[in-house]
Amino acid sequence: MALNYTFTMIKPAAFKNNLSGSILKEINEHGFKIRAMKLTKLTKKQAKQFYHIHKGKPFYDDLIQFMSSGPVLVAILEKKNAVKEYRKLIGSTDPTQADEGTLRKMFAESKSHNAVHGSDSDENAKLEADFFFSRFERY
């Protein structure tokens, strides 16, 4: 059975460009409820821990540099079949290939600066949410 929550992160470039409010508005308008949210800044060590699954890939070092370059807004979102529904809302990693109306099409600068992260599975949603939020920070 699919989880009813997922994890998202508004990435440094989107936060720096003052897009967080617009992104959150789209998330709310698509029926997601925010169950936890905070602003934080990843250290390089934390970014390496969070993105460990990409270690060894050609883009890994640039990803770590980017994700630790400025504040990120992290959140747990609730909706029926949340992971699947949020993946539809965010669109393709490459904004030039993303469908119209998706968050990455509307707000991303490029494939490597694609505005938002979204969990790709129920298992990762749990791991990612647990990385940033204690049980006491969830509502």
Protein backbone atom coordinates (compact mmCIF):
# COMPACT_ATOMS: atom_id res chain seq x y z
CA MET A 1 0.00 0.00 0.00
CA ALA A 2 1.34 3.43 -0.95
CA LEU A 3 2.30 5.93 1.71
CA ASN A 4 0.21 9.02 2.06
CA TYR A 5 3.22 11.26 2.50
CA THR A 6 6.29 12.28 0.57
CA PHE A 7 9.29 14.51 1.06
CA THR A 8 10.23 17.60 -0.90
CA MET A 9 13.04 20.11 -0.88
CA ILE A 10 13.07 23.52 -2.53
CA LYS A 11 16.65 23.73 -3.73
CA PRO A 12 19.12 26.60 -3.20
CA ALA A 13 18.67 28.36 -6.56
CA ALA A 14 14.88 28.37 -6.31
CA PHE A 15 15.07 29.61 -2.74
CA LYS A 16 17.61 32.30 -3.68
CA ASN A 17 15.39 33.43 -6.56
CA ASN A 18 12.47 33.88 -4.16
CA LEU A 19 10.36 31.10 -5.71
CA SER A 20 9.48 29.25 -2.49
CA GLY A 21 6.11 30.96 -2.06
CA SER A 22 5.07 30.26 -5.65
CA ILE A 23 6.16 26.63 -5.38
CA LEU A 24 4.33 26.15 -2.07
CA LYS A 25 1.21 27.72 -3.58
CA GLU A 26 1.27 25.17 -6.43
CA ILE A 27 1.78 22.34 -3.94
CA ASN A 28 -1.24 23.48 -1.91
CA GLU A 29 -3.38 24.02 -5.00
CA HIS A 30 -2.70 20.43 -6.05
CA GLY A 31 -4.18 19.10 -2.83
CA PHE A 32 -1.06 18.44 -0.75
CA LYS A 33 -1.08 19.28 2.94
CA ILE A 34 2.14 20.38 4.60
CA ARG A 35 2.77 18.22 7.66
CA ALA A 36 6.27 19.51 8.49
CA MET A 37 8.42 22.29 7.09
CA LYS A 38 11.64 24.12 7.88
CA LEU A 39 14.37 26.22 6.39
CA THR A 40 17.88 24.85 6.74
CA LYS A 41 21.27 24.81 5.05
CA LEU A 42 23.02 21.56 4.30
CA THR A 43 26.68 21.21 5.09
CA LYS A 44 28.72 19.33 2.49
CA LYS A 45 28.79 16.37 4.87
CA GLN A 46 24.98 16.38 5.17
CA ALA A 47 24.57 16.76 1.40
CA LYS A 48 26.86 13.76 0.88
CA GLN A 49 24.80 11.73 3.36
CA PHE A 50 21.49 12.72 1.76
CA TYR A 51 22.67 12.08 -1.82
CA HIS A 52 24.84 9.03 -1.08
CA ILE A 53 22.96 6.99 -3.70
CA HIS A 54 24.53 9.17 -6.41
CA LYS A 55 28.11 8.77 -5.19
CA GLY A 56 30.41 7.85 -8.06
CA LYS A 57 28.17 9.37 -10.73
CA PRO A 58 29.67 12.11 -12.91
CA PHE A 59 27.39 14.83 -11.50
CA TYR A 60 27.88 13.93 -7.81
CA ASP A 61 30.50 16.55 -6.88
CA ASP A 62 28.57 19.36 -8.58
CA LEU A 63 25.37 18.19 -6.88
CA ILE A 64 27.01 18.30 -3.45
CA GLN A 65 28.46 21.75 -4.15
CA PHE A 66 25.09 23.07 -5.33
CA MET A 67 23.02 21.54 -2.54
CA SER A 68 25.32 22.98 0.13
CA SER A 69 25.55 26.41 -1.53
CA GLY A 70 22.59 28.04 0.23
CA PRO A 71 19.39 27.54 2.20
CA VAL A 72 16.86 24.86 1.30
CA LEU A 73 13.24 24.60 2.37
CA VAL A 74 12.32 21.03 3.30
CA ALA A 75 8.84 19.66 3.86
CA ILE A 76 6.75 16.56 4.37
CA LEU A 77 3.65 16.58 2.19
CA GLU A 78 0.50 14.52 2.68
CA LYS A 79 -1.92 13.30 0.04
CA LYS A 80 -3.28 9.94 -1.06
CA ASN A 81 -0.52 8.17 -3.07
CA ALA A 82 1.71 11.13 -2.25
CA VAL A 83 4.94 9.96 -3.90
CA LYS A 84 3.28 9.14 -7.21
CA GLU A 85 1.16 12.31 -7.19
CA TYR A 86 4.09 14.56 -6.29
CA ARG A 87 6.33 13.01 -8.97
CA LYS A 88 3.63 13.95 -11.50
CA LEU A 89 3.52 17.50 -10.14
CA ILE A 90 7.27 18.09 -10.21
CA GLY A 91 7.88 16.70 -13.70
CA SER A 92 11.05 15.56 -15.42
CA THR A 93 14.45 16.32 -13.91
CA ASP A 94 15.28 18.19 -17.13
CA PRO A 95 12.92 21.17 -17.30
CA THR A 96 13.19 21.28 -21.11
CA GLN A 97 11.56 17.83 -21.14
CA ALA A 98 9.09 18.46 -18.31
CA ASP A 99 5.38 18.75 -19.05
CA GLU A 100 3.74 22.18 -18.99
CA GLY A 101 2.39 23.06 -15.57
CA THR A 102 4.94 20.98 -13.64
CA LEU A 103 7.07 22.62 -10.97
CA ARG A 104 10.32 21.96 -12.78
CA LYS A 105 8.96 23.34 -16.06
CA MET A 106 7.75 26.49 -14.31
CA PHE A 107 10.59 27.13 -11.86
CA ALA A 108 13.80 25.27 -12.77
CA GLU A 109 16.88 26.97 -14.19
CA SER A 110 18.35 23.78 -15.69
CA LYS A 111 18.61 20.03 -15.23
CA SER A 112 21.23 20.48 -12.50
CA HIS A 113 19.34 23.40 -10.88
CA ASN A 114 15.87 21.90 -11.18
CA ALA A 115 14.11 23.81 -8.36
CA VAL A 116 12.76 20.91 -6.28
CA HIS A 117 13.57 17.46 -5.03
CA GLY A 118 10.85 14.88 -4.59
CA SER A 119 11.08 11.37 -3.19
CA ASP A 120 11.09 8.69 -5.88
CA SER A 121 9.67 5.86 -3.78
CA ASP A 122 7.77 5.25 -0.56
CA GLU A 123 10.95 3.83 0.98
CA ASN A 124 12.94 6.95 0.10
CA ALA A 125 10.13 9.22 1.29
CA LYS A 126 10.43 7.68 4.73
CA LEU A 127 14.25 7.83 4.74
CA GLU A 128 14.33 11.42 3.49
CA ALA A 129 11.65 12.65 5.88
CA ASP A 130 13.47 10.96 8.77
CA PHE A 131 16.75 12.61 7.69
CA PHE A 132 15.30 16.08 8.30
CA PHE A 133 12.44 15.70 10.77
CA SER A 134 11.97 14.12 14.18
CA ARG A 135 8.57 12.68 15.08
CA PHE A 136 7.96 15.76 17.25
CA GLU A 137 8.25 18.06 14.23
CA ARG A 138 5.46 16.38 12.24
CA TYR A 139 1.79 17.28 12.37
